[in-house]
Amino acid sequence: MQSKSLHMRGVLEVLLCSALWSIAGIFMKQIPWSGFVIASLRSLIAGCVAAIYMIWRKKRFVVNRQSVFGAVTLCFTMTLFSVANKMTTAANAIVLQFTSPIWVMALSAIFLKKRFHKSDVIAVVVTFGGIALFFADSLRSGNLAGNLVALASGLTFGCYYLSLGDCEENVRTSSIVMANALTFLIGIPFLLTTQPVFTGRSILFVVILGIFQLGIPYVLLAHGATWCPPLVCSLLGAVEPLLNPVWVAIFDGEMPGVFALVGGVVVIATIVVWTVYKEKKEQTAQPDGVE
C-alpha cells in the first residue's frame, strides 16, 4: 500500500514538473534579452533553488563522472532551448527538444551497442518525417536556424537522460546544481556585451522562470524519479510540448505554421506510442515473478 502511495506521489511530482516546464515560452517571449542572457540569469536563480533544496534535505554534493557529464549535457540543453525560443516559435522549440527519446535510442545503439528492433527503426523514420515537416515550414518562415538549435537541444537532452542511468537522488540534484552554475557562467560574456535593459517586468519574468519554470521542476523531477518508472516519466513529459504552444498562443498570439502543427502531432504521437509499445514488449519478455 505504501509502495503504491509513493508511486502516485512520484507521478504527481513529475506531472507537476512537466506542467511547470511548459510555461517557458510565455515568459521567454516577453523578455527582450538574448537567449544566452535569459538562460544565464534563469539558471542563476534555479541553481540557488536546487542548492537550497540540497541543504534543506541534507543531501551530499557529489562530483563524479556521471554527475559531471549530466551537468554538461543539461547545461547545453538549457542554453540551446533558451536560444531556440528566440529564433523560432515556442511550439517548434519544445517539440523538437522532445525528440530526446529517439536520440537516446540512437546513442544507445552506437555507444552502448544496443540492438535496433523493427519498431525502433519505424519510430525513427516516422519521427524524422515529422521533423522534416518542421523544416518544410521553416524554409518559408525563416526559422531554419532556430529549428536546428532546437533539434540540437533534443540531442543534448537525450545525452542527459543517458547520463542518469541508475543513480541516487543526490547525484541527480548535484548534476542539476552544477548544470545551472555552468549555464550562468556561459551567459556572462553575453550579459556584458549585449547590455540588456533591466526593467521591473523583465526581472519579474526571469525570476518566475528561475524559480517556477526551472528550479522547482528539476527538484520535483530529481525527487519524483525515485518512484516514477522511466515509461511514466517519458509519457508525463509529453505534457510540456502539448501545453507550451497553447500558453504562447493564448498569451502571446504566436501560432506555429500548418506544417509545424502536423509535424508536432506526428512527433509526439510517435514517441508516446513507441515508448508504450517498448515497455509492454519488455514486460512480456520478463519471466513470471520478475519485476
C-alpha atoms as a PDB file:
ATOM      1  CA  MET A   1       0.000   0.000   0.000  1.00  0.00           C
ATOM      2  CA  GLN A   2       2.844   2.350   0.922  1.00  0.00           C
ATOM      3  CA  SER A   3       4.649   1.477  -2.321  1.00  0.00           C
ATOM      4  CA  LYS A   4       1.552   2.404  -4.343  1.00  0.00           C
ATOM      5  CA  SER A   5       1.253   5.687  -2.445  1.00  0.00           C
ATOM      6  CA  LEU A   6       4.896   6.554  -3.136  1.00  0.00           C
ATOM      7  CA  HIS A   7       4.454   5.686  -6.823  1.00  0.00           C
ATOM      8  CA  MET A   8       1.450   8.008  -7.061  1.00  0.00           C
ATOM      9  CA  ARG A   9       3.430  10.729  -5.311  1.00  0.00           C
ATOM     10  CA  GLY A  10       6.226  10.320  -7.854  1.00  0.00           C
ATOM     11  CA  VAL A  11       3.749  10.501 -10.740  1.00  0.00           C
ATOM     12  CA  LEU A  12       2.206  13.706  -9.380  1.00  0.00           C
ATOM     13  CA  GLU A  13       5.625  15.294  -8.878  1.00  0.00           C
ATOM     14  CA  VAL A  14       6.760  14.511 -12.436  1.00  0.00           C
ATOM     15  CA  LEU A  15       3.402  15.659 -13.832  1.00  0.00           C
ATOM     16  CA  LEU A  16       3.695  18.977 -11.987  1.00  0.00           C
ATOM     17  CA  CYS A  17       7.294  19.257 -13.209  1.00  0.00           C
ATOM     18  CA  SER A  18       6.185  18.898 -16.853  1.00  0.00           C
ATOM     19  CA  ALA A  19       3.336  21.375 -16.419  1.00  0.00           C
ATOM     20  CA  LEU A  20       5.690  23.979 -14.925  1.00  0.00           C
ATOM     21  CA  TRP A  21       8.257  23.406 -17.684  1.00  0.00           C
ATOM     22  CA  SER A  22       5.553  24.312 -20.210  1.00  0.00           C
ATOM     23  CA  ILE A  23       5.380  27.985 -19.134  1.00  0.00           C
ATOM     24  CA  ALA A  24       8.852  28.674 -20.575  1.00  0.00           C
ATOM     25  CA  GLY A  25       7.650  30.030 -23.905  1.00  0.00           C
ATOM     26  CA  ILE A  26       5.216  32.543 -22.388  1.00  0.00           C
ATOM     27  CA  PHE A  27       7.817  34.398 -20.369  1.00  0.00           C
ATOM     28  CA  MET A  28      10.836  33.967 -22.665  1.00  0.00           C
ATOM     29  CA  LYS A  29       8.938  35.640 -25.486  1.00  0.00           C
ATOM     30  CA  GLN A  30       8.138  38.596 -23.208  1.00  0.00           C
ATOM     31  CA  ILE A  31      11.755  39.262 -22.127  1.00  0.00           C
ATOM     32  CA  PRO A  32      13.653  41.412 -24.699  1.00  0.00           C
ATOM     33  CA  TRP A  33      17.050  39.879 -23.953  1.00  0.00           C
ATOM     34  CA  SER A  34      19.386  37.489 -25.749  1.00  0.00           C
ATOM     35  CA  GLY A  35      18.570  33.818 -25.272  1.00  0.00           C
ATOM     36  CA  PHE A  36      22.002  33.378 -23.653  1.00  0.00           C
ATOM     37  CA  VAL A  37      21.278  36.120 -21.115  1.00  0.00           C
ATOM     38  CA  ILE A  38      17.875  34.652 -20.249  1.00  0.00           C
ATOM     39  CA  ALA A  39      19.396  31.188 -19.846  1.00  0.00           C
ATOM     40  CA  SER A  40      22.186  32.582 -17.663  1.00  0.00           C
ATOM     41  CA  LEU A  41      20.066  34.571 -15.206  1.00  0.00           C
ATOM     42  CA  ARG A  42      17.322  31.949 -15.139  1.00  0.00           C
ATOM     43  CA  SER A  43      19.899  29.328 -14.184  1.00  0.00           C
ATOM     44  CA  LEU A  44      21.463  31.570 -11.525  1.00  0.00           C
ATOM     45  CA  ILE A  45      18.115  31.566  -9.721  1.00  0.00           C
ATOM     46  CA  ALA A  46      17.290  27.910 -10.477  1.00  0.00           C
ATOM     47  CA  GLY A  47      20.690  26.782  -9.227  1.00  0.00           C
ATOM     48  CA  CYS A  48      20.071  28.574  -5.923  1.00  0.00           C
ATOM     49  CA  VAL A  49      16.696  26.805  -5.618  1.00  0.00           C
ATOM     50  CA  ALA A  50      18.313  23.387  -6.187  1.00  0.00           C
ATOM     51  CA  ALA A  51      21.170  24.184  -3.775  1.00  0.00           C
ATOM     52  CA  ILE A  52      18.739  25.288  -1.065  1.00  0.00           C
ATOM     53  CA  TYR A  53      16.826  22.030  -1.551  1.00  0.00           C
ATOM     54  CA  MET A  54      20.018  20.001  -1.139  1.00  0.00           C
ATOM     55  CA  ILE A  55      20.937  21.878   2.049  1.00  0.00           C
ATOM     56  CA  TRP A  56      17.404  21.544   3.433  1.00  0.00           C
ATOM     57  CA  ARG A  57      17.285  17.795   2.734  1.00  0.00           C
ATOM     58  CA  LYS A  58      20.929  17.373   3.838  1.00  0.00           C
ATOM     59  CA  LYS A  59      21.882  15.837   0.502  1.00  0.00           C
ATOM     60  CA  ARG A  60      25.556  15.130  -0.086  1.00  0.00           C
ATOM     61  CA  PHE A  61      27.024  17.023  -3.043  1.00  0.00           C
ATOM     62  CA  VAL A  62      28.521  14.501  -5.466  1.00  0.00           C
ATOM     63  CA  VAL A  63      31.130  15.202  -8.119  1.00  0.00           C
ATOM     64  CA  ASN A  64      31.841  12.146 -10.243  1.00  0.00           C
ATOM     65  CA  ARG A  65      31.913  11.230 -13.916  1.00  0.00           C
ATOM     66  CA  GLN A  66      28.164  10.640 -14.038  1.00  0.00           C
ATOM     67  CA  SER A  67      27.150  13.893 -12.351  1.00  0.00           C
ATOM     68  CA  VAL A  68      29.656  15.994 -14.334  1.00  0.00           C
ATOM     69  CA  PHE A  69      28.592  14.544 -17.698  1.00  0.00           C
ATOM     70  CA  GLY A  70      24.954  15.103 -16.731  1.00  0.00           C
ATOM     71  CA  ALA A  71      25.740  18.692 -15.734  1.00  0.00           C
ATOM     72  CA  VAL A  72      27.468  19.480 -19.034  1.00  0.00           C
ATOM     73  CA  THR A  73      24.739  17.953 -21.208  1.00  0.00           C
ATOM     74  CA  LEU A  74      21.946  19.594 -19.188  1.00  0.00           C
ATOM     75  CA  CYS A  75      23.783  22.935 -19.406  1.00  0.00           C
ATOM     76  CA  PHE A  76      23.839  22.672 -23.203  1.00  0.00           C
ATOM     77  CA  THR A  77      20.175  21.635 -23.210  1.00  0.00           C
ATOM     78  CA  MET A  78      19.008  24.617 -21.163  1.00  0.00           C
ATOM     79  CA  THR A  79      21.132  27.098 -23.120  1.00  0.00           C
ATOM     80  CA  LEU A  80      20.183  25.786 -26.557  1.00  0.00           C
ATOM     81  CA  PHE A  81      16.489  25.674 -25.656  1.00  0.00           C
ATOM     82  CA  SER A  82      16.555  29.275 -24.455  1.00  0.00           C
ATOM     83  CA  VAL A  83      18.329  30.428 -27.614  1.00  0.00           C
ATOM     84  CA  ALA A  84      15.945  28.409 -29.827  1.00  0.00           C
ATOM     85  CA  ASN A  85      12.940  30.116 -28.215  1.00  0.00           C
ATOM     86  CA  LYS A  86      14.279  33.427 -29.533  1.00  0.00           C
ATOM     87  CA  MET A  87      14.987  32.091 -33.023  1.00  0.00           C
ATOM     88  CA  THR A  88      11.871  30.034 -33.774  1.00  0.00           C
ATOM     89  CA  THR A  89       8.353  29.530 -32.435  1.00  0.00           C
ATOM     90  CA  ALA A  90       7.877  28.181 -28.911  1.00  0.00           C
ATOM     91  CA  ALA A  91       5.998  25.197 -30.385  1.00  0.00           C
ATOM     92  CA  ASN A  92       8.898  24.309 -32.684  1.00  0.00           C
ATOM     93  CA  ALA A  93      11.452  24.709 -29.889  1.00  0.00           C
ATOM     94  CA  ILE A  94       9.738  22.412 -27.415  1.00  0.00           C
ATOM     95  CA  VAL A  95       8.541  19.714 -29.818  1.00  0.00           C
ATOM     96  CA  LEU A  96      11.950  19.405 -31.460  1.00  0.00           C
ATOM     97  CA  GLN A  97      13.505  19.135 -27.999  1.00  0.00           C
ATOM     98  CA  PHE A  98      11.010  16.353 -27.260  1.00  0.00           C
ATOM     99  CA  THR A  99      12.853  14.189 -29.831  1.00  0.00           C
ATOM    100  CA  SER A 100      15.243  13.278 -26.977  1.00  0.00           C
ATOM    101  CA  PRO A 101      13.915   9.674 -26.604  1.00  0.00           C
ATOM    102  CA  ILE A 102      14.829   8.997 -30.237  1.00  0.00           C
ATOM    103  CA  TRP A 103      18.339  10.326 -29.622  1.00  0.00           C
ATOM    104  CA  VAL A 104      18.578   8.123 -26.518  1.00  0.00           C
ATOM    105  CA  MET A 105      17.843   5.078 -28.652  1.00  0.00           C
ATOM    106  CA  ALA A 106      20.272   6.079 -31.396  1.00  0.00           C
ATOM    107  CA  LEU A 107      23.096   6.897 -28.970  1.00  0.00           C
ATOM    108  CA  SER A 108      22.491   3.678 -27.022  1.00  0.00           C
ATOM    109  CA  ALA A 109      22.825   1.685 -30.241  1.00  0.00           C
ATOM    110  CA  ILE A 110      26.023   3.490 -31.280  1.00  0.00           C
ATOM    111  CA  PHE A 111      27.892   3.718 -27.971  1.00  0.00           C
ATOM    112  CA  LEU A 112      26.305   1.027 -25.791  1.00  0.00           C
ATOM    113  CA  LYS A 113      25.949  -1.471 -28.657  1.00  0.00           C
ATOM    114  CA  LYS A 114      22.238  -1.986 -28.047  1.00  0.00           C
ATOM    115  CA  ARG A 115      20.430  -3.672 -30.926  1.00  0.00           C
ATOM    116  CA  PHE A 116      17.871  -1.958 -33.115  1.00  0.00           C
ATOM    117  CA  HIS A 117      14.438  -3.554 -33.385  1.00  0.00           C
ATOM    118  CA  LYS A 118      11.938  -3.123 -36.191  1.00  0.00           C
ATOM    119  CA  SER A 119       9.737  -0.901 -34.004  1.00  0.00           C
ATOM    120  CA  ASP A 120      12.754   1.321 -33.273  1.00  0.00           C
ATOM    121  CA  VAL A 121      13.522   1.802 -36.946  1.00  0.00           C
ATOM    122  CA  ILE A 122       9.889   2.628 -37.717  1.00  0.00           C
ATOM    123  CA  ALA A 123       9.789   5.120 -34.834  1.00  0.00           C
ATOM    124  CA  VAL A 124      12.957   6.839 -36.050  1.00  0.00           C
ATOM    125  CA  VAL A 125      11.743   7.078 -39.647  1.00  0.00           C
ATOM    126  CA  VAL A 126       8.299   8.431 -38.703  1.00  0.00           C
ATOM    127  CA  THR A 127       9.722  10.857 -36.127  1.00  0.00           C
ATOM    128  CA  PHE A 128      12.199  12.318 -38.550  1.00  0.00           C
ATOM    129  CA  GLY A 129       9.400  12.501 -41.102  1.00  0.00           C
ATOM    130  CA  GLY A 130       7.589  14.722 -38.610  1.00  0.00           C
ATOM    131  CA  ILE A 131      10.771  16.762 -38.114  1.00  0.00           C
ATOM    132  CA  ALA A 132      11.012  17.202 -41.890  1.00  0.00           C
ATOM    133  CA  LEU A 133       7.611  18.925 -41.783  1.00  0.00           C
ATOM    134  CA  PHE A 134       9.046  21.447 -39.304  1.00  0.00           C
ATOM    135  CA  PHE A 135      11.845  22.270 -41.703  1.00  0.00           C
ATOM    136  CA  ALA A 136       9.485  22.461 -44.674  1.00  0.00           C
ATOM    137  CA  ASP A 137       7.610  25.095 -42.677  1.00  0.00           C
ATOM    138  CA  SER A 138      10.806  26.867 -41.577  1.00  0.00           C
ATOM    139  CA  LEU A 139      12.007  27.367 -45.164  1.00  0.00           C
ATOM    140  CA  ARG A 140       9.062  29.733 -45.615  1.00  0.00           C
ATOM    141  CA  SER A 141       9.079  31.333 -42.161  1.00  0.00           C
ATOM    142  CA  GLY A 142      12.829  31.888 -41.756  1.00  0.00           C
ATOM    143  CA  ASN A 143      13.069  29.647 -38.673  1.00  0.00           C
ATOM    144  CA  LEU A 144      15.585  27.169 -40.105  1.00  0.00           C
ATOM    145  CA  ALA A 145      18.473  28.140 -37.807  1.00  0.00           C
ATOM    146  CA  GLY A 146      16.192  28.177 -34.763  1.00  0.00           C
ATOM    147  CA  ASN A 147      14.833  24.735 -35.601  1.00  0.00           C
ATOM    148  CA  LEU A 148      18.377  23.363 -35.904  1.00  0.00           C
ATOM    149  CA  VAL A 149      19.244  24.787 -32.476  1.00  0.00           C
ATOM    150  CA  ALA A 150      16.062  23.263 -31.015  1.00  0.00           C
ATOM    151  CA  LEU A 151      16.890  19.906 -32.564  1.00  0.00           C
ATOM    152  CA  ALA A 152      20.369  20.115 -31.033  1.00  0.00           C
ATOM    153  CA  SER A 153      18.762  20.684 -27.634  1.00  0.00           C
ATOM    154  CA  GLY A 154      16.867  17.416 -28.153  1.00  0.00           C
ATOM    155  CA  LEU A 155      20.174  15.649 -28.812  1.00  0.00           C
ATOM    156  CA  THR A 156      21.827  17.054 -25.675  1.00  0.00           C
ATOM    157  CA  PHE A 157      18.711  16.299 -23.609  1.00  0.00           C
ATOM    158  CA  GLY A 158      18.948  12.701 -24.797  1.00  0.00           C
ATOM    159  CA  CYS A 159      22.589  12.652 -23.643  1.00  0.00           C
ATOM    160  CA  TYR A 160      21.479  13.997 -20.268  1.00  0.00           C
ATOM    161  CA  TYR A 161      18.959  11.167 -19.841  1.00  0.00           C
ATOM    162  CA  LEU A 162      21.694   8.669 -20.733  1.00  0.00           C
ATOM    163  CA  SER A 163      23.934  10.160 -18.041  1.00  0.00           C
ATOM    164  CA  LEU A 164      21.366   9.473 -15.318  1.00  0.00           C
ATOM    165  CA  GLY A 165      21.155   5.694 -15.538  1.00  0.00           C
ATOM    166  CA  ASP A 166      20.656   4.100 -12.127  1.00  0.00           C
ATOM    167  CA  CYS A 167      21.802   6.752  -9.690  1.00  0.00           C
ATOM    168  CA  GLU A 168      20.798   8.163  -6.329  1.00  0.00           C
ATOM    169  CA  GLU A 169      18.852  11.382  -5.877  1.00  0.00           C
ATOM    170  CA  ASN A 170      21.896  13.250  -4.544  1.00  0.00           C
ATOM    171  CA  VAL A 171      23.742  12.515  -7.812  1.00  0.00           C
ATOM    172  CA  ARG A 172      20.800  13.872  -9.818  1.00  0.00           C
ATOM    173  CA  THR A 173      20.451  17.022  -7.718  1.00  0.00           C
ATOM    174  CA  SER A 174      24.228  17.627  -7.718  1.00  0.00           C
ATOM    175  CA  SER A 175      24.157  17.410 -11.505  1.00  0.00           C
ATOM    176  CA  ILE A 176      21.328  19.975 -11.624  1.00  0.00           C
ATOM    177  CA  VAL A 177      23.210  22.441  -9.390  1.00  0.00           C
ATOM    178  CA  MET A 178      26.374  22.139 -11.496  1.00  0.00           C
ATOM    179  CA  ALA A 179      24.417  22.452 -14.768  1.00  0.00           C
ATOM    180  CA  ASN A 180      22.821  25.709 -13.663  1.00  0.00           C
ATOM    181  CA  ALA A 181      26.171  27.077 -12.478  1.00  0.00           C
ATOM    182  CA  LEU A 182      27.750  26.304 -15.873  1.00  0.00           C
ATOM    183  CA  THR A 183      24.815  27.858 -17.747  1.00  0.00           C
ATOM    184  CA  PHE A 184      25.136  31.027 -15.681  1.00  0.00           C
ATOM    185  CA  LEU A 185      28.868  31.272 -16.404  1.00  0.00           C
ATOM    186  CA  ILE A 186      28.404  30.723 -20.154  1.00  0.00           C
ATOM    187  CA  GLY A 187      25.948  33.627 -20.299  1.00  0.00           C
ATOM    188  CA  ILE A 188      28.152  36.177 -18.507  1.00  0.00           C
ATOM    189  CA  PRO A 189      30.018  37.329 -21.692  1.00  0.00           C
ATOM    190  CA  PHE A 190      26.654  37.889 -23.433  1.00  0.00           C
ATOM    191  CA  LEU A 191      25.395  39.724 -20.366  1.00  0.00           C
ATOM    192  CA  LEU A 192      28.357  42.115 -20.617  1.00  0.00           C
ATOM    193  CA  THR A 193      28.350  42.563 -24.411  1.00  0.00           C
ATOM    194  CA  THR A 194      24.626  42.825 -25.179  1.00  0.00           C
ATOM    195  CA  GLN A 195      23.901  45.140 -22.236  1.00  0.00           C
ATOM    196  CA  PRO A 196      20.266  44.108 -21.693  1.00  0.00           C
ATOM    197  CA  VAL A 197      17.822  46.690 -20.359  1.00  0.00           C
ATOM    198  CA  PHE A 198      16.615  45.656 -16.922  1.00  0.00           C
ATOM    199  CA  THR A 199      13.010  46.613 -16.229  1.00  0.00           C
ATOM    200  CA  GLY A 200      10.763  45.542 -13.376  1.00  0.00           C
ATOM    201  CA  ARG A 201       8.753  43.412 -15.819  1.00  0.00           C
ATOM    202  CA  SER A 202      11.804  41.609 -17.245  1.00  0.00           C
ATOM    203  CA  ILE A 203      13.288  40.963 -13.803  1.00  0.00           C
ATOM    204  CA  LEU A 204       9.961  39.588 -12.540  1.00  0.00           C
ATOM    205  CA  PHE A 205       9.643  37.263 -15.530  1.00  0.00           C
ATOM    206  CA  VAL A 206      13.185  35.878 -15.245  1.00  0.00           C
ATOM    207  CA  VAL A 207      12.636  35.289 -11.505  1.00  0.00           C
ATOM    208  CA  ILE A 208       9.446  33.363 -12.338  1.00  0.00           C
ATOM    209  CA  LEU A 209      11.389  31.332 -14.913  1.00  0.00           C
ATOM    210  CA  GLY A 210      14.215  30.616 -12.489  1.00  0.00           C
ATOM    211  CA  ILE A 211      12.034  29.552  -9.574  1.00  0.00           C
ATOM    212  CA  PHE A 212       8.863  28.096 -11.055  1.00  0.00           C
ATOM    213  CA  GLN A 213       9.847  27.014 -14.584  1.00  0.00           C
ATOM    214  CA  LEU A 214      13.300  25.581 -13.902  1.00  0.00           C
ATOM    215  CA  GLY A 215      14.321  25.394 -10.238  1.00  0.00           C
ATOM    216  CA  ILE A 216      11.285  23.761  -8.622  1.00  0.00           C
ATOM    217  CA  PRO A 217      10.512  21.468 -11.630  1.00  0.00           C
ATOM    218  CA  TYR A 218      14.001  19.932 -11.668  1.00  0.00           C
ATOM    219  CA  VAL A 219      13.847  19.384  -7.908  1.00  0.00           C
ATOM    220  CA  LEU A 220      10.492  17.648  -8.443  1.00  0.00           C
ATOM    221  CA  LEU A 221      11.980  15.510 -11.233  1.00  0.00           C
ATOM    222  CA  ALA A 222      15.023  14.518  -9.177  1.00  0.00           C
ATOM    223  CA  HIS A 223      12.787  13.536  -6.254  1.00  0.00           C
ATOM    224  CA  GLY A 224       9.856  12.012  -8.149  1.00  0.00           C
ATOM    225  CA  ALA A 225      12.091   9.864 -10.387  1.00  0.00           C
ATOM    226  CA  THR A 226      12.890   7.789  -7.296  1.00  0.00           C
ATOM    227  CA  TRP A 227       9.432   6.166  -7.504  1.00  0.00           C
ATOM    228  CA  CYS A 228       8.259   7.084 -11.015  1.00  0.00           C
ATOM    229  CA  PRO A 229       9.253   4.481 -13.676  1.00  0.00           C
ATOM    230  CA  PRO A 230      11.037   5.689 -16.846  1.00  0.00           C
ATOM    231  CA  LEU A 231       7.968   4.965 -19.002  1.00  0.00           C
ATOM    232  CA  VAL A 232       5.711   7.112 -16.846  1.00  0.00           C
ATOM    233  CA  CYS A 233       8.296   9.904 -16.757  1.00  0.00           C
ATOM    234  CA  SER A 234       8.526   9.835 -20.562  1.00  0.00           C
ATOM    235  CA  LEU A 235       4.769   9.926 -21.038  1.00  0.00           C
ATOM    236  CA  LEU A 236       4.236  12.677 -18.477  1.00  0.00           C
ATOM    237  CA  GLY A 237       6.987  14.621 -20.222  1.00  0.00           C
ATOM    238  CA  ALA A 238       4.628  14.902 -23.210  1.00  0.00           C
ATOM    239  CA  VAL A 239       2.562  17.376 -21.161  1.00  0.00           C
ATOM    240  CA  GLU A 240       5.220  20.041 -21.796  1.00  0.00           C
ATOM    241  CA  PRO A 241       5.176  20.109 -25.637  1.00  0.00           C
ATOM    242  CA  LEU A 242       1.380  19.900 -25.556  1.00  0.00           C
ATOM    243  CA  LEU A 243       0.870  22.834 -23.154  1.00  0.00           C
ATOM    244  CA  ASN A 244       3.760  25.120 -24.135  1.00  0.00           C
ATOM    245  CA  PRO A 245       2.404  26.280 -27.532  1.00  0.00           C
ATOM    246  CA  VAL A 246      -1.093  26.585 -26.048  1.00  0.00           C
ATOM    247  CA  TRP A 247       0.070  29.098 -23.423  1.00  0.00           C
ATOM    248  CA  VAL A 248       2.069  31.064 -26.015  1.00  0.00           C
ATOM    249  CA  ALA A 249      -0.869  31.145 -28.456  1.00  0.00           C
ATOM    250  CA  ILE A 250      -3.216  32.399 -25.716  1.00  0.00           C
ATOM    251  CA  PHE A 251      -0.959  34.979 -24.084  1.00  0.00           C
ATOM    252  CA  ASP A 252       1.408  35.993 -26.908  1.00  0.00           C
ATOM    253  CA  GLY A 253      -0.636  35.273 -30.046  1.00  0.00           C
ATOM    254  CA  GLU A 254       2.197  33.267 -31.639  1.00  0.00           C
ATOM    255  CA  MET A 255       0.880  30.479 -33.864  1.00  0.00           C
ATOM    256  CA  PRO A 256       3.042  27.795 -35.497  1.00  0.00           C
ATOM    257  CA  GLY A 257       2.591  27.068 -39.189  1.00  0.00           C
ATOM    258  CA  VAL A 258       0.357  24.294 -40.514  1.00  0.00           C
ATOM    259  CA  PHE A 259       3.277  22.011 -41.394  1.00  0.00           C
ATOM    260  CA  ALA A 260       4.789  22.549 -37.932  1.00  0.00           C
ATOM    261  CA  LEU A 261       1.467  21.692 -36.270  1.00  0.00           C
ATOM    262  CA  VAL A 262       1.155  18.464 -38.250  1.00  0.00           C
ATOM    263  CA  GLY A 263       4.814  17.654 -37.599  1.00  0.00           C
ATOM    264  CA  GLY A 264       4.313  18.248 -33.866  1.00  0.00           C
ATOM    265  CA  VAL A 265       1.404  15.835 -33.715  1.00  0.00           C
ATOM    266  CA  VAL A 266       3.420  13.221 -35.642  1.00  0.00           C
ATOM    267  CA  VAL A 267       6.472  13.552 -33.362  1.00  0.00           C
ATOM    268  CA  ILE A 268       4.582  13.496 -30.041  1.00  0.00           C
ATOM    269  CA  ALA A 269       2.212  10.691 -31.043  1.00  0.00           C
ATOM    270  CA  THR A 270       5.009   8.521 -32.462  1.00  0.00           C
ATOM    271  CA  ILE A 271       7.229   8.852 -29.394  1.00  0.00           C
ATOM    272  CA  VAL A 272       4.376   8.184 -26.949  1.00  0.00           C
ATOM    273  CA  VAL A 273       3.151   5.104 -28.884  1.00  0.00           C
ATOM    274  CA  TRP A 274       6.708   3.822 -29.349  1.00  0.00           C
ATOM    275  CA  THR A 275       7.509   4.222 -25.634  1.00  0.00           C
ATOM    276  CA  VAL A 276       4.343   2.378 -24.550  1.00  0.00           C
ATOM    277  CA  TYR A 277       4.956  -0.410 -27.077  1.00  0.00           C
ATOM    278  CA  LYS A 278       8.565  -0.942 -25.966  1.00  0.00           C
ATOM    279  CA  GLU A 279       7.608  -1.042 -22.279  1.00  0.00           C
ATOM    280  CA  LYS A 280       4.852  -3.601 -22.891  1.00  0.00           C
ATOM    281  CA  LYS A 281       7.208  -5.696 -25.007  1.00  0.00           C
ATOM    282  CA  GLU A 282       9.843  -5.678 -22.253  1.00  0.00           C
ATOM    283  CA  GLN A 283       7.265  -6.643 -19.624  1.00  0.00           C
ATOM    284  CA  THR A 284       6.054  -9.546 -21.802  1.00  0.00           C
ATOM    285  CA  ALA A 285       9.645 -10.735 -22.251  1.00  0.00           C
ATOM    286  CA  GLN A 286      10.253 -10.853 -18.489  1.00  0.00           C
ATOM    287  CA  PRO A 287       9.792 -14.262 -16.825  1.00  0.00           C
ATOM    288  CA  ASP A 288       6.983 -14.646 -14.307  1.00  0.00           C
ATOM    289  CA  GLY A 289       7.782 -13.340 -10.862  1.00  0.00           C
ATOM    290  CA  VAL A 290      10.433 -10.883 -12.098  1.00  0.00           C
ATOM    291  CA  GLU A 291       9.620  -7.226 -11.543  1.00  0.00           C
END
